[in-house]
């Protein structure tokens, strides 16, 4: 039996930081894009203690100019998809 795929939340968080920086955005910029009253959700995504909802992943992919698959890092994956 093969293992089911799972998300590496810490690596996904690091990937969100990398992608955010690559497009020149700050956490506050993302907070404003999402209309969040505080940046806590974004910090949780970046720390890997929470994952963005599907709706938020769609927005992140658009803002970062990439796909949702390029944001998510699966367990066993060596590095993020470019």
N, C-alpha and C. Protein backbone atom coordinates (compact mmCIF):
# COMPACT_ATOMS: atom_id res chain seq x y z
N UNK A 1 0.85 -1.18 0.00
CA UNK A 1 0.00 0.00 0.00
C UNK A 1 0.90 1.25 0.00
N UNK A 2 0.61 2.16 -0.88
CA UNK A 2 1.40 3.38 -0.96
C UNK A 2 0.85 4.43 0.01
N UNK A 3 1.75 5.26 0.48
CA UNK A 3 1.35 6.32 1.41
C UNK A 3 0.55 7.38 0.67
N UNK A 4 -0.43 7.90 1.34
CA UNK A 4 -1.21 8.98 0.76
C UNK A 4 -0.40 10.26 0.76
N UNK A 5 -0.58 11.10 -0.25
CA UNK A 5 0.16 12.37 -0.27
C UNK A 5 -0.27 13.26 0.89
N UNK A 6 0.69 14.00 1.41
CA UNK A 6 0.39 14.96 2.47
C UNK A 6 1.22 16.22 2.26
N UNK A 7 0.80 17.29 2.90
CA UNK A 7 1.45 18.58 2.71
C UNK A 7 2.48 18.81 3.81
N UNK A 8 3.66 19.25 3.40
CA UNK A 8 4.71 19.64 4.34
C UNK A 8 4.44 21.12 4.66
N UNK A 9 3.82 21.36 5.80
CA UNK A 9 3.39 22.72 6.12
C UNK A 9 4.56 23.67 6.34
N UNK A 10 5.63 23.19 6.97
CA UNK A 10 6.79 24.05 7.20
C UNK A 10 7.44 24.46 5.88
N UNK A 11 7.63 23.51 4.98
CA UNK A 11 8.23 23.81 3.68
C UNK A 11 7.30 24.68 2.84
N UNK A 12 6.00 24.46 2.96
CA UNK A 12 5.05 25.30 2.23
C UNK A 12 5.12 26.73 2.75
N UNK A 13 5.23 26.90 4.06
CA UNK A 13 5.38 28.23 4.65
C UNK A 13 6.63 28.93 4.16
N UNK A 14 7.74 28.19 4.11
CA UNK A 14 8.99 28.76 3.60
C UNK A 14 8.83 29.14 2.13
N UNK A 15 8.09 28.34 1.40
CA UNK A 15 7.85 28.62 -0.01
C UNK A 15 7.01 29.89 -0.18
N UNK A 16 6.02 30.08 0.69
CA UNK A 16 5.20 31.29 0.64
C UNK A 16 6.08 32.52 0.89
N UNK A 17 6.99 32.42 1.86
CA UNK A 17 7.91 33.53 2.11
C UNK A 17 8.76 33.81 0.87
N UNK A 18 9.32 32.76 0.29
CA UNK A 18 10.18 32.92 -0.89
C UNK A 18 9.41 33.56 -2.05
N UNK A 19 8.20 33.07 -2.29
CA UNK A 19 7.40 33.61 -3.40
C UNK A 19 6.98 35.05 -3.13
N UNK A 20 6.60 35.33 -1.88
CA UNK A 20 6.21 36.70 -1.52
C UNK A 20 7.35 37.66 -1.77
N UNK A 21 8.53 37.28 -1.32
CA UNK A 21 9.70 38.14 -1.51
C UNK A 21 10.06 38.28 -2.98
N UNK A 22 9.89 37.20 -3.76
CA UNK A 22 10.28 37.24 -5.18
C UNK A 22 9.43 38.21 -5.98
N UNK A 23 8.21 38.49 -5.51
CA UNK A 23 7.37 39.47 -6.20
C UNK A 23 7.40 40.83 -5.51
N UNK A 24 8.26 40.95 -4.48
CA UNK A 24 8.47 42.23 -3.83
C UNK A 24 7.35 42.70 -2.91
N UNK A 25 6.64 41.75 -2.31
CA UNK A 25 5.55 42.10 -1.40
C UNK A 25 5.95 41.90 0.05
N UNK A 26 5.38 42.71 0.92
CA UNK A 26 5.56 42.55 2.37
C UNK A 26 4.35 41.80 2.92
N UNK A 27 4.47 41.38 4.17
CA UNK A 27 3.33 40.76 4.84
C UNK A 27 2.16 41.74 4.87
N UNK A 28 2.45 43.01 5.13
CA UNK A 28 1.39 44.01 5.16
C UNK A 28 0.72 44.15 3.79
N UNK A 29 1.50 44.05 2.71
CA UNK A 29 0.90 44.08 1.38
C UNK A 29 -0.10 42.95 1.21
N UNK A 30 0.27 41.73 1.63
CA UNK A 30 -0.66 40.60 1.53
C UNK A 30 -1.87 40.82 2.43
N UNK A 31 -1.64 41.35 3.61
CA UNK A 31 -2.76 41.64 4.51
C UNK A 31 -3.76 42.55 3.82
N UNK A 32 -3.27 43.58 3.14
CA UNK A 32 -4.16 44.51 2.44
C UNK A 32 -4.85 43.85 1.26
N UNK A 33 -4.15 43.00 0.53
CA UNK A 33 -4.75 42.30 -0.61
C UNK A 33 -5.91 41.44 -0.15
N UNK A 34 -5.71 40.74 0.96
CA UNK A 34 -6.76 39.85 1.48
C UNK A 34 -7.82 40.59 2.30
N UNK A 35 -7.52 41.81 2.70
CA UNK A 35 -8.47 42.56 3.51
C UNK A 35 -8.54 42.07 4.94
N UNK A 36 -7.46 41.45 5.42
CA UNK A 36 -7.41 40.97 6.80
C UNK A 36 -7.19 42.16 7.73
N UNK A 37 -7.83 42.11 8.91
CA UNK A 37 -7.65 43.19 9.88
C UNK A 37 -6.30 43.09 10.59
N UNK A 38 -5.74 41.89 10.67
CA UNK A 38 -4.41 41.68 11.25
C UNK A 38 -3.63 40.75 10.32
N UNK A 39 -2.30 40.73 10.46
CA UNK A 39 -1.49 39.86 9.60
C UNK A 39 -1.30 38.44 10.15
N UNK A 40 -1.98 38.11 11.25
CA UNK A 40 -1.73 36.84 11.94
C UNK A 40 -1.87 35.62 11.04
N UNK A 41 -2.88 35.58 10.19
CA UNK A 41 -3.08 34.42 9.31
C UNK A 41 -1.88 34.24 8.39
N UNK A 42 -1.37 35.33 7.85
CA UNK A 42 -0.23 35.25 6.94
C UNK A 42 1.01 34.75 7.68
N UNK A 43 1.23 35.24 8.90
CA UNK A 43 2.36 34.76 9.70
C UNK A 43 2.21 33.27 10.00
N UNK A 44 0.99 32.80 10.26
CA UNK A 44 0.76 31.38 10.52
C UNK A 44 1.07 30.55 9.27
N UNK A 45 0.68 31.05 8.10
CA UNK A 45 1.01 30.34 6.85
C UNK A 45 2.51 30.24 6.71
N UNK A 46 3.20 31.35 6.96
CA UNK A 46 4.65 31.39 6.77
C UNK A 46 5.40 30.51 7.77
N UNK A 47 4.87 30.38 8.98
CA UNK A 47 5.48 29.51 10.00
C UNK A 47 5.13 28.05 9.79
N UNK A 48 4.12 27.80 8.98
CA UNK A 48 3.68 26.43 8.75
C UNK A 48 2.77 25.90 9.83
N UNK A 49 2.20 26.80 10.64
CA UNK A 49 1.27 26.35 11.68
C UNK A 49 -0.17 26.31 11.18
N UNK A 50 -0.40 26.87 10.00
CA UNK A 50 -1.71 26.82 9.36
C UNK A 50 -1.49 26.91 7.85
N UNK A 51 -2.46 26.43 7.11
CA UNK A 51 -2.40 26.52 5.65
C UNK A 51 -3.49 27.47 5.16
N UNK A 52 -3.23 28.16 4.05
CA UNK A 52 -4.28 29.00 3.48
C UNK A 52 -5.46 28.14 3.03
N UNK A 53 -6.65 28.69 3.10
CA UNK A 53 -7.81 27.99 2.57
C UNK A 53 -7.67 27.89 1.06
N UNK A 54 -8.49 27.08 0.44
CA UNK A 54 -8.44 26.92 -1.01
C UNK A 54 -8.66 28.26 -1.71
N UNK A 55 -9.63 29.03 -1.25
CA UNK A 55 -9.88 30.36 -1.83
C UNK A 55 -8.65 31.25 -1.72
N UNK A 56 -8.00 31.22 -0.56
CA UNK A 56 -6.81 32.05 -0.36
C UNK A 56 -5.63 31.55 -1.19
N UNK A 57 -5.54 30.24 -1.39
CA UNK A 57 -4.48 29.70 -2.26
C UNK A 57 -4.65 30.19 -3.70
N UNK A 58 -5.89 30.26 -4.14
CA UNK A 58 -6.16 30.76 -5.50
C UNK A 58 -5.67 32.20 -5.63
N UNK A 59 -5.95 33.01 -4.61
CA UNK A 59 -5.50 34.41 -4.63
C UNK A 59 -3.97 34.48 -4.57
N UNK A 60 -3.35 33.69 -3.68
CA UNK A 60 -1.89 33.69 -3.59
C UNK A 60 -1.26 33.32 -4.93
N UNK A 61 -1.79 32.29 -5.57
CA UNK A 61 -1.24 31.87 -6.86
C UNK A 61 -1.33 33.00 -7.88
N UNK A 62 -2.43 33.70 -7.88
CA UNK A 62 -2.60 34.83 -8.81
C UNK A 62 -1.63 35.96 -8.48
N UNK A 63 -1.54 36.31 -7.21
CA UNK A 63 -0.65 37.39 -6.78
C UNK A 63 0.81 37.05 -7.06
N UNK A 64 1.18 35.77 -6.86
CA UNK A 64 2.56 35.34 -7.07
C UNK A 64 2.85 35.01 -8.53
N UNK A 65 1.82 34.99 -9.36
CA UNK A 65 2.01 34.67 -10.77
C UNK A 65 2.43 33.22 -10.99
N UNK A 66 1.82 32.32 -10.22
CA UNK A 66 2.20 30.91 -10.30
C UNK A 66 0.95 30.06 -10.12
N UNK A 67 1.13 28.79 -9.90
CA UNK A 67 0.02 27.88 -9.67
C UNK A 67 -0.06 27.49 -8.20
N UNK A 68 -1.21 26.98 -7.80
CA UNK A 68 -1.35 26.50 -6.41
C UNK A 68 -0.37 25.36 -6.16
N UNK A 69 -0.17 24.51 -7.17
CA UNK A 69 0.76 23.40 -7.03
C UNK A 69 2.19 23.86 -6.77
N UNK A 70 2.54 25.03 -7.27
CA UNK A 70 3.89 25.57 -7.06
C UNK A 70 4.05 26.15 -5.65
N UNK A 71 2.93 26.42 -4.99
CA UNK A 71 2.98 26.96 -3.62
C UNK A 71 3.07 25.83 -2.61
N UNK A 72 2.30 24.79 -2.81
CA UNK A 72 2.22 23.67 -1.88
C UNK A 72 3.44 22.77 -2.04
N UNK A 73 4.05 22.38 -0.92
CA UNK A 73 5.15 21.43 -0.94
C UNK A 73 4.65 20.14 -0.29
N UNK A 74 4.73 19.06 -1.02
CA UNK A 74 4.27 17.78 -0.51
C UNK A 74 5.40 17.10 0.27
N UNK A 75 5.03 16.32 1.26
CA UNK A 75 6.03 15.54 2.00
C UNK A 75 6.73 14.61 1.03
N UNK A 76 8.06 14.55 1.17
CA UNK A 76 8.86 13.74 0.27
C UNK A 76 9.35 14.49 -0.94
N UNK A 77 8.80 15.67 -1.17
CA UNK A 77 9.24 16.52 -2.29
C UNK A 77 10.52 17.23 -1.87
N UNK A 78 11.53 17.16 -2.67
CA UNK A 78 12.83 17.73 -2.32
C UNK A 78 12.80 19.25 -2.23
N UNK A 79 12.17 19.88 -3.20
CA UNK A 79 12.14 21.34 -3.21
C UNK A 79 10.87 21.78 -3.91
N UNK A 80 10.47 23.02 -3.74
CA UNK A 80 9.26 23.50 -4.39
C UNK A 80 9.36 23.41 -5.90
N UNK A 81 8.23 23.21 -6.54
CA UNK A 81 8.17 23.20 -8.00
C UNK A 81 8.37 24.62 -8.48
N UNK A 82 9.20 24.79 -9.51
CA UNK A 82 9.45 26.15 -10.03
C UNK A 82 8.47 26.52 -11.11
